[in-house]
């Protein structure tokens, strides 16, 4: 716990230095290097295509921030934040949206190497949803596929994710690429989250614009997010809805928080731990009923049509396959500790599973003994909990780190601003 507090203090000090510009410069410079290395060394064609475009975008953003640093003494603090926000928007447009659109257009023109597998899976799920009322193939239908196509026959998402594939059922064009709709929903949801945090008249309104901007950067221009959106994208709407739920929690709107995280849970299981931690927050606000109505009701309602059409197909895709009991195994094998333990030690999968259970038990004890009473504390529990789970799961992806990273950086934007005393206001005016 002491190490966490020290890390938080160090982060706040780095983030507040020179109006946050040095940290911006470091973010874009390191991201440019990462994108350039990805363009040269990645074994995945969509990733190489992303890196070749994003490296230029990050480099231009870094140059813009360097110019802001040189001239920052001429501008008031509010102008600095607005300029940083403009660079953030430019960076997201050039490192996520532009590569996404280029790959979508190239794919529509016949390039089959311009999308990750999840794009195809979501679009096929949307087509099946439109044709037969369920996004899932049954066990027998997957078994009938050629061996090298069975992995793409699985849809390991909640039923709501298939909605992003519905445009492909209507037309085969660049704008029906599911990534386009992932990006659109992500942008709209993040805009609503920022508006919620900055809305006058709401509890805690007037949160520092710099903290909110840093949270937005973590969900947009951070390479793991920009790369994911441009090449695959299905995690970004889920993340954005989780951040919106926390923003609603910071504004003391438990019902809206439940709806937001419930929508996320209707898309992907990754939102369910966030919903669970938010439930403990709702208990401290005596709003369990209002929160649970959306948080639990929406995911359950999304499951009903698939259950009625083919219950076994739902279980095969949503439970058996993620748990490793499908016809094929998940290719998610990033070299995190859980995977290394599972593959390198005797009975390694059991050891990794035991560590994962122990981490989950520790978090459960923490929630029961000291449930989070604020949205910021909730975000920190979610962030550290998901980080531990991702590191300890035997099968996981590097890209999943976007969840804990964004949640942890989002936490300072959720804190209520401390009231400014008359003495502090007078001292600030005397220094001006």
Protein backbone atom coordinates (compact mmCIF):
# COMPACT_ATOMS: atom_id res chain seq x y z
CA UNK A 1 0.00 0.00 0.00
CA UNK A 2 2.88 2.38 0.80
CA UNK A 3 4.40 1.69 -2.60
CA UNK A 4 1.05 2.51 -4.24
CA UNK A 5 0.84 5.85 -2.42
CA UNK A 6 4.41 6.68 -3.37
CA UNK A 7 3.72 5.83 -7.00
CA UNK A 8 0.59 8.02 -6.89
CA UNK A 9 2.54 10.96 -5.49
CA UNK A 10 5.26 10.53 -8.10
CA UNK A 11 2.63 10.42 -10.85
CA UNK A 12 0.94 13.59 -9.57
CA UNK A 13 4.27 15.38 -9.42
CA UNK A 14 5.19 14.37 -12.97
CA UNK A 15 1.73 15.20 -14.28
CA UNK A 16 1.65 18.67 -12.73
CA UNK A 17 5.16 19.74 -13.81
CA UNK A 18 5.09 22.55 -16.39
CA UNK A 19 1.37 22.16 -16.91
CA UNK A 20 1.67 18.51 -17.91
CA UNK A 21 3.58 19.30 -21.10
CA UNK A 22 6.77 17.33 -20.32
CA UNK A 23 4.71 14.21 -19.68
CA UNK A 24 2.84 14.84 -22.96
CA UNK A 25 6.15 15.13 -24.77
CA UNK A 26 7.38 11.88 -23.27
CA UNK A 27 4.12 10.12 -24.14
CA UNK A 28 4.22 11.11 -27.80
CA UNK A 29 7.97 10.58 -28.21
CA UNK A 30 7.93 7.09 -26.70
CA UNK A 31 4.77 6.28 -28.66
CA UNK A 32 6.44 7.38 -31.90
CA UNK A 33 9.34 5.04 -31.19
CA UNK A 34 6.96 2.20 -30.35
CA UNK A 35 4.98 2.72 -33.56
CA UNK A 36 8.16 2.85 -35.64
CA UNK A 37 9.45 -0.39 -34.11
CA UNK A 38 6.04 -1.99 -34.68
CA UNK A 39 6.11 -0.95 -38.35
CA UNK A 40 9.47 -2.66 -38.83
CA UNK A 41 9.33 -5.73 -36.59
CA UNK A 42 5.72 -6.84 -36.10
CA UNK A 43 4.73 -10.17 -37.58
CA UNK A 44 1.10 -9.02 -37.96
CA UNK A 45 0.38 -7.11 -41.20
CA UNK A 46 -2.36 -4.88 -39.68
CA UNK A 47 0.06 -3.87 -36.90
CA UNK A 48 2.83 -3.02 -39.36
CA UNK A 49 0.39 -0.93 -41.39
CA UNK A 50 -0.70 0.88 -38.22
CA UNK A 51 2.87 1.59 -37.15
CA UNK A 52 3.90 3.12 -40.47
CA UNK A 53 1.12 5.72 -40.21
CA UNK A 54 0.99 6.21 -36.44
CA UNK A 55 4.72 6.86 -36.09
CA UNK A 56 4.34 10.02 -38.17
CA UNK A 57 1.28 11.12 -36.20
CA UNK A 58 3.01 10.68 -32.84
CA UNK A 59 6.12 12.46 -34.10
CA UNK A 60 4.09 15.47 -35.26
CA UNK A 61 2.27 15.54 -31.91
CA UNK A 62 5.61 15.47 -30.07
CA UNK A 63 6.87 18.39 -32.16
CA UNK A 64 3.69 20.34 -31.40
CA UNK A 65 4.14 19.76 -27.66
CA UNK A 66 7.78 20.82 -27.87
CA UNK A 67 6.59 24.08 -29.41
CA UNK A 68 4.06 24.51 -26.59
CA UNK A 69 6.80 23.99 -24.01
CA UNK A 70 8.94 26.69 -25.56
CA UNK A 71 6.11 29.22 -25.55
CA UNK A 72 4.12 28.18 -22.49
CA UNK A 73 5.11 31.21 -20.36
CA UNK A 74 3.23 33.46 -22.78
CA UNK A 75 -0.10 31.68 -22.28
CA UNK A 76 -2.47 31.40 -19.32
CA UNK A 77 -3.02 27.94 -17.82
CA UNK A 78 -6.44 27.56 -19.46
CA UNK A 79 -4.93 28.19 -22.89
CA UNK A 80 -2.28 25.54 -22.19
CA UNK A 81 -4.93 22.94 -21.42
CA UNK A 82 -6.90 23.85 -24.55
CA UNK A 83 -3.74 23.56 -26.67
CA UNK A 84 -2.93 20.19 -25.11
CA UNK A 85 -6.47 19.03 -25.84
CA UNK A 86 -6.11 20.11 -29.47
CA UNK A 87 -2.88 18.11 -29.81
CA UNK A 88 -4.59 15.11 -28.18
CA UNK A 89 -7.39 15.29 -30.73
CA UNK A 90 -4.87 15.57 -33.56
CA UNK A 91 -2.90 12.63 -32.18
CA UNK A 92 -5.98 10.43 -31.95
CA UNK A 93 -7.04 11.37 -35.47
CA UNK A 94 -3.62 10.55 -36.94
CA UNK A 95 -2.66 7.52 -34.85
CA UNK A 96 -6.01 5.74 -34.52
CA UNK A 97 -8.69 7.08 -36.86
CA UNK A 98 -6.54 7.63 -39.96
CA UNK A 99 -4.90 4.17 -39.83
CA UNK A 100 -8.31 2.65 -39.16
CA UNK A 101 -9.91 4.32 -42.17
CA UNK A 102 -6.98 3.48 -44.43
CA UNK A 103 -7.15 -0.18 -43.43
CA UNK A 104 -10.94 -0.26 -43.81
CA UNK A 105 -10.71 1.20 -47.33
CA UNK A 106 -7.89 -1.16 -48.33
CA UNK A 107 -9.82 -4.10 -46.94
CA UNK A 108 -12.93 -3.11 -48.90
CA UNK A 109 -10.73 -2.98 -52.02
CA UNK A 110 -9.64 -6.59 -51.54
CA UNK A 111 -6.75 -6.57 -49.04
CA UNK A 112 -7.44 -9.47 -46.69
CA UNK A 113 -4.53 -8.58 -44.39
CA UNK A 114 -5.94 -5.29 -43.15
CA UNK A 115 -7.92 -6.46 -40.12
CA UNK A 116 -7.38 -8.66 -37.11
CA UNK A 117 -9.46 -11.78 -36.65
CA UNK A 118 -11.86 -10.18 -34.18
CA UNK A 119 -13.11 -7.79 -36.88
CA UNK A 120 -14.18 -10.73 -39.04
CA UNK A 121 -15.65 -12.56 -36.03
CA UNK A 122 -17.82 -9.58 -35.02
CA UNK A 123 -19.02 -8.97 -38.56
CA UNK A 124 -19.90 -12.65 -39.08
CA UNK A 125 -21.75 -12.55 -35.76
CA UNK A 126 -23.73 -9.53 -36.98
CA UNK A 127 -24.65 -11.30 -40.21
CA UNK A 128 -25.82 -14.38 -38.27
CA UNK A 129 -27.80 -12.17 -35.89
CA UNK A 130 -29.61 -10.59 -38.82
CA UNK A 131 -30.23 -13.94 -40.54
CA UNK A 132 -31.09 -16.30 -37.69
CA UNK A 133 -31.57 -14.23 -34.53
CA UNK A 134 -28.41 -15.45 -32.75
CA UNK A 135 -24.77 -14.44 -33.30
CA UNK A 136 -23.46 -17.89 -32.33
CA UNK A 137 -22.67 -21.08 -34.21
CA UNK A 138 -23.44 -24.35 -32.46
CA UNK A 139 -20.82 -26.91 -31.47
CA UNK A 140 -21.78 -29.12 -34.41
CA UNK A 141 -21.70 -26.23 -36.88
CA UNK A 142 -18.20 -25.25 -35.75
CA UNK A 143 -17.06 -28.88 -35.91
CA UNK A 144 -18.26 -29.03 -39.53
CA UNK A 145 -15.94 -26.18 -40.52
CA UNK A 146 -12.47 -26.89 -41.93
CA UNK A 147 -9.93 -27.22 -39.12
CA UNK A 148 -8.20 -23.94 -39.95
CA UNK A 149 -11.51 -22.02 -39.86
CA UNK A 150 -12.87 -23.26 -36.54
CA UNK A 151 -11.22 -20.53 -34.50
CA UNK A 152 -13.07 -17.86 -36.49
CA UNK A 153 -16.27 -19.83 -36.02
CA UNK A 154 -16.27 -18.96 -32.32
CA UNK A 155 -17.73 -15.68 -31.04
CA UNK A 156 -16.38 -15.33 -27.48
CA UNK A 157 -18.32 -12.14 -26.78
CA UNK A 158 -21.62 -11.28 -25.21
CA UNK A 159 -24.54 -10.98 -27.67
CA UNK A 160 -24.49 -7.17 -27.78
CA UNK A 161 -21.13 -7.15 -29.57
CA UNK A 162 -22.83 -8.51 -32.71
CA UNK A 163 -24.63 -5.17 -33.13
CA UNK A 164 -21.36 -3.71 -34.41
CA UNK A 165 -21.40 -6.31 -37.16
CA UNK A 166 -24.93 -5.51 -38.37
CA UNK A 167 -23.81 -2.85 -40.90
CA UNK A 168 -21.79 -5.56 -42.71
CA UNK A 169 -25.01 -7.55 -43.07
CA UNK A 170 -26.44 -4.63 -45.06
CA UNK A 171 -23.50 -3.84 -47.35
CA UNK A 172 -19.87 -4.73 -48.05
CA UNK A 173 -18.11 -1.35 -47.92
CA UNK A 174 -15.45 0.47 -45.94
CA UNK A 175 -18.03 2.21 -43.75
CA UNK A 176 -19.56 -1.14 -42.70
CA UNK A 177 -16.23 -2.27 -41.24
CA UNK A 178 -16.98 -2.93 -37.58
CA UNK A 179 -13.96 -0.84 -36.53
CA UNK A 180 -15.63 2.28 -37.92
CA UNK A 181 -18.57 1.73 -35.58
CA UNK A 182 -16.31 0.83 -32.66
CA UNK A 183 -14.57 4.19 -33.14
CA UNK A 184 -17.82 6.15 -33.47
CA UNK A 185 -19.34 4.70 -30.31
CA UNK A 186 -16.07 5.13 -28.40
CA UNK A 187 -15.85 8.81 -29.36
CA UNK A 188 -19.48 9.52 -28.41
CA UNK A 189 -19.24 7.71 -25.08
CA UNK A 190 -15.97 9.41 -24.09
CA UNK A 191 -17.45 12.80 -25.02
CA UNK A 192 -20.40 12.06 -22.72
CA UNK A 193 -18.02 11.01 -19.94
CA UNK A 194 -16.05 14.26 -20.20
CA UNK A 195 -19.27 16.29 -20.27
CA UNK A 196 -20.49 14.47 -17.18
CA UNK A 197 -17.32 15.24 -15.25
CA UNK A 198 -17.23 18.89 -16.29
CA UNK A 199 -20.98 19.62 -16.22
CA UNK A 200 -21.84 22.64 -14.04
CA UNK A 201 -24.22 21.99 -11.21
CA UNK A 202 -23.25 18.36 -10.73
CA UNK A 203 -21.49 17.12 -7.57
CA UNK A 204 -17.78 17.59 -7.99
CA UNK A 205 -18.17 19.68 -11.14
CA UNK A 206 -15.12 21.70 -12.03
CA UNK A 207 -12.66 18.86 -11.76
CA UNK A 208 -9.25 19.90 -13.06
CA UNK A 209 -9.37 19.91 -16.85
CA UNK A 210 -5.81 18.59 -16.95
CA UNK A 211 -6.74 15.44 -15.01
CA UNK A 212 -9.73 14.81 -17.27
CA UNK A 213 -7.57 15.35 -20.35
CA UNK A 214 -4.97 12.88 -19.06
CA UNK A 215 -7.70 10.31 -18.57
CA UNK A 216 -8.93 10.82 -22.12
CA UNK A 217 -5.37 10.42 -23.43
CA UNK A 218 -5.09 7.08 -21.64
CA UNK A 219 -8.18 5.82 -23.49
CA UNK A 220 -7.34 7.21 -26.93
CA UNK A 221 -3.74 8.07 -27.86
CA UNK A 222 -1.94 5.55 -25.65
CA UNK A 223 -0.41 3.15 -28.21
CA UNK A 224 -2.12 0.07 -26.80
CA UNK A 225 -5.48 1.83 -27.33
CA UNK A 226 -4.74 3.44 -30.70
CA UNK A 227 -3.28 0.22 -32.10
CA UNK A 228 -6.20 -1.84 -30.81
CA UNK A 229 -8.80 0.51 -32.28
CA UNK A 230 -7.12 0.69 -35.69
CA UNK A 231 -6.57 -3.04 -36.11
CA UNK A 232 -9.28 -4.74 -34.03
CA UNK A 233 -11.21 -2.34 -31.89
CA UNK A 234 -13.74 -4.43 -29.97
CA UNK A 235 -12.30 -3.53 -26.54
CA UNK A 236 -12.55 0.25 -26.96
CA UNK A 237 -16.35 0.67 -26.68
CA UNK A 238 -16.29 -1.62 -23.64
CA UNK A 239 -13.56 0.47 -22.01
CA UNK A 240 -15.30 3.75 -22.87
CA UNK A 241 -18.58 2.57 -21.31
CA UNK A 242 -16.73 1.51 -18.14
CA UNK A 243 -15.13 4.95 -17.92
CA UNK A 244 -18.55 6.54 -18.46
CA UNK A 245 -19.99 4.43 -15.64
CA UNK A 246 -17.26 5.71 -13.32
CA UNK A 247 -17.93 9.29 -14.46
CA UNK A 248 -21.61 8.83 -13.59
CA UNK A 249 -20.55 7.42 -10.22
CA UNK A 250 -18.42 10.53 -9.63
CA UNK A 251 -21.50 12.63 -10.41
CA UNK A 252 -23.58 10.63 -7.88
CA UNK A 253 -25.77 9.07 -10.56
CA UNK A 254 -25.90 5.36 -9.62
CA UNK A 255 -28.75 4.54 -11.99
CA UNK A 256 -26.90 5.97 -14.97
CA UNK A 257 -23.70 4.24 -13.83
CA UNK A 258 -25.57 0.94 -13.81
CA UNK A 259 -26.89 1.47 -17.32
CA UNK A 260 -23.43 2.36 -18.67
CA UNK A 261 -21.62 -0.61 -17.14
CA UNK A 262 -24.58 -2.84 -18.02
CA UNK A 263 -24.21 -1.89 -21.68
CA UNK A 264 -20.49 -2.70 -21.41
CA UNK A 265 -21.32 -6.05 -19.83
CA UNK A 266 -23.71 -6.82 -22.70
CA UNK A 267 -20.71 -6.51 -25.02
CA UNK A 268 -17.90 -8.32 -23.23
CA UNK A 269 -17.18 -10.18 -20.00
CA UNK A 270 -14.28 -7.84 -19.20
CA UNK A 271 -16.83 -5.28 -17.95
CA UNK A 272 -18.31 -7.63 -15.35
CA UNK A 273 -15.52 -7.19 -12.75
CA UNK A 274 -15.94 -3.42 -13.09
CA UNK A 275 -19.68 -3.84 -12.51
CA UNK A 276 -18.99 -5.95 -9.41
CA UNK A 277 -16.71 -3.33 -7.85
CA UNK A 278 -19.19 -0.58 -8.73
CA UNK A 279 -21.87 -2.61 -6.95
CA UNK A 280 -19.91 -2.28 -3.70
CA UNK A 281 -19.70 1.47 -4.36
CA UNK A 282 -23.48 1.55 -4.86
CA UNK A 283 -23.96 -0.20 -1.52
CA UNK A 284 -22.10 2.64 0.21
CA UNK A 285 -24.48 5.10 -1.52
CA UNK A 286 -27.56 3.05 -0.55
CA UNK A 287 -28.40 2.80 -4.24
CA UNK A 288 -28.06 -0.93 -4.84
CA UNK A 289 -31.45 -1.27 -6.52
CA UNK A 290 -31.02 1.65 -8.90
CA UNK A 291 -27.54 0.48 -9.91
CA UNK A 292 -28.36 -3.21 -10.26
CA UNK A 293 -31.36 -2.62 -12.50
CA UNK A 294 -29.13 -1.56 -15.38
CA UNK A 295 -25.86 -3.28 -14.42
CA UNK A 296 -27.44 -6.73 -14.19
CA UNK A 297 -30.64 -6.28 -16.17
CA UNK A 298 -29.09 -5.20 -19.46
CA UNK A 299 -26.57 -8.08 -19.80
CA UNK A 300 -29.28 -10.57 -18.87
CA UNK A 301 -31.73 -9.06 -21.35
CA UNK A 302 -29.07 -9.32 -24.08
CA UNK A 303 -28.69 -13.04 -23.37
CA UNK A 304 -32.40 -13.88 -23.69
CA UNK A 305 -32.71 -13.96 -27.52
CA UNK A 306 -29.59 -16.12 -27.90
CA UNK A 307 -30.85 -18.46 -25.18
CA UNK A 308 -34.20 -18.85 -26.91
CA UNK A 309 -32.66 -19.50 -30.34
CA UNK A 310 -29.90 -21.95 -29.34
CA UNK A 311 -28.87 -22.30 -25.71
CA UNK A 312 -26.07 -24.78 -26.44
CA UNK A 313 -24.49 -22.44 -29.01
CA UNK A 314 -24.43 -19.64 -26.43
CA UNK A 315 -22.76 -21.89 -23.84
CA UNK A 316 -20.23 -23.20 -26.39
CA UNK A 317 -19.10 -19.71 -27.40
CA UNK A 318 -19.39 -17.70 -24.20
CA UNK A 319 -18.35 -20.30 -21.62
CA UNK A 320 -16.69 -23.42 -23.03
CA UNK A 321 -14.36 -21.72 -25.48
CA UNK A 322 -13.02 -18.99 -23.11
CA UNK A 323 -12.48 -21.65 -20.42
CA UNK A 324 -10.39 -23.75 -22.82
CA UNK A 325 -12.97 -26.47 -23.49
CA UNK A 326 -13.83 -25.61 -27.10
CA UNK A 327 -12.88 -27.45 -30.26
CA UNK A 328 -9.86 -25.15 -30.55
CA UNK A 329 -7.90 -23.17 -27.99
CA UNK A 330 -7.53 -19.41 -27.78
CA UNK A 331 -4.35 -18.01 -29.39
CA UNK A 332 -4.08 -15.42 -26.59
CA UNK A 333 -0.65 -16.31 -25.15
CA UNK A 334 1.23 -13.13 -24.29
CA UNK A 335 4.31 -13.81 -22.12
CA UNK A 336 2.92 -12.54 -18.83
CA UNK A 337 3.73 -14.29 -15.52
CA UNK A 338 0.61 -16.45 -15.56
CA UNK A 339 1.36 -17.80 -19.03
CA UNK A 340 5.04 -18.35 -18.24
CA UNK A 341 4.18 -20.22 -15.05
CA UNK A 342 1.57 -22.33 -16.84
CA UNK A 343 3.98 -23.37 -19.59
CA UNK A 344 7.31 -23.62 -17.76
CA UNK A 345 6.51 -25.31 -14.44
CA UNK A 346 5.21 -28.81 -13.67
CA UNK A 347 1.48 -28.49 -13.03
CA UNK A 348 1.98 -24.88 -14.05
CA UNK A 349 -1.65 -24.25 -15.03
CA UNK A 350 -2.73 -25.27 -11.54
CA UNK A 351 -0.15 -22.97 -9.96
CA UNK A 352 -1.22 -20.05 -12.16
CA UNK A 353 -4.88 -20.73 -11.40
CA UNK A 354 -4.14 -20.82 -7.66
CA UNK A 355 -2.34 -17.48 -7.84
CA UNK A 356 -5.25 -16.01 -9.78
CA UNK A 357 -7.75 -17.28 -7.20
CA UNK A 358 -5.59 -15.90 -4.38
CA UNK A 359 -5.48 -12.48 -6.02
CA UNK A 360 -9.25 -12.56 -6.49
CA UNK A 361 -9.76 -13.57 -2.86
CA UNK A 362 -7.55 -10.72 -1.65
CA UNK A 363 -9.57 -8.22 -3.68
CA UNK A 364 -12.83 -9.72 -2.40
CA UNK A 365 -11.67 -9.38 1.22
CA UNK A 366 -10.69 -5.78 0.55
CA UNK A 367 -14.10 -5.01 -0.93
CA UNK A 368 -15.95 -6.65 1.95
CA UNK A 369 -13.87 -4.99 4.67
CA UNK A 370 -13.54 -1.57 3.05
CA UNK A 371 -15.86 -1.05 0.07
CA UNK A 372 -14.89 1.92 -2.10
CA UNK A 373 -16.87 5.00 -1.14
CA UNK A 374 -15.81 7.19 -4.06
CA UNK A 375 -15.63 6.79 -7.80
CA UNK A 376 -11.87 7.39 -7.73
CA UNK A 377 -11.32 4.58 -5.21
CA UNK A 378 -13.57 2.33 -7.31
CA UNK A 379 -11.48 3.02 -10.42
CA UNK A 380 -8.28 2.18 -8.55
CA UNK A 381 -9.67 -1.13 -7.28
CA UNK A 382 -10.86 -1.99 -10.79
CA UNK A 383 -7.53 -1.01 -12.33
CA UNK A 384 -5.29 -2.91 -9.93
CA UNK A 385 -7.64 -5.89 -9.87
CA UNK A 386 -7.75 -6.22 -13.66
CA UNK A 387 -3.99 -5.71 -13.85
CA UNK A 388 -3.44 -8.59 -11.44
CA UNK A 389 -5.90 -10.80 -13.34
CA UNK A 390 -4.31 -10.07 -16.73
CA UNK A 391 -0.82 -10.76 -15.45
CA UNK A 392 -1.82 -14.04 -13.78
CA UNK A 393 -4.20 -15.55 -16.35
CA UNK A 394 -2.61 -18.48 -18.22
CA UNK A 395 -4.04 -17.23 -21.54
CA UNK A 396 -4.25 -13.50 -22.12
CA UNK A 397 -3.34 -10.74 -24.59
CA UNK A 398 -0.96 -7.80 -24.33
CA UNK A 399 -3.75 -5.56 -25.61
CA UNK A 400 -5.89 -6.24 -22.54
CA UNK A 401 -3.56 -3.94 -20.60
CA UNK A 402 -5.53 -1.03 -22.02
CA UNK A 403 -8.21 -1.69 -19.37
CA UNK A 404 -6.13 -1.32 -16.18
CA UNK A 405 -3.95 1.44 -17.62
CA UNK A 406 -6.93 3.59 -18.63
CA UNK A 407 -8.81 2.91 -15.38
CA UNK A 408 -5.81 3.87 -13.22
CA UNK A 409 -5.14 7.08 -15.15
CA UNK A 410 -8.87 7.90 -15.14
CA UNK A 411 -9.01 7.79 -11.33
CA UNK A 412 -7.56 11.30 -10.68
CA UNK A 413 -10.19 12.80 -13.01
CA UNK A 414 -12.90 11.34 -10.76
CA UNK A 415 -11.72 12.95 -7.53
CA UNK A 416 -13.82 15.78 -6.21
CA UNK A 417 -11.93 19.06 -6.22
CA UNK A 418 -10.96 20.35 -2.81
CA UNK A 419 -12.65 23.62 -1.84
CA UNK A 420 -10.41 26.65 -2.18
CA UNK A 421 -10.14 28.68 1.01
CA UNK A 422 -10.25 32.46 1.07
CA UNK A 423 -6.62 32.53 2.24
CA UNK A 424 -5.49 30.34 -0.65
CA UNK A 425 -7.43 32.46 -3.14
CA UNK A 426 -5.86 35.64 -1.78
CA UNK A 427 -2.38 34.12 -1.93
CA UNK A 428 -2.95 33.03 -5.52
CA UNK A 429 -4.08 36.52 -6.49
CA UNK A 430 -1.04 38.07 -4.83
CA UNK A 431 1.26 35.81 -6.82
CA UNK A 432 -0.46 36.64 -10.12
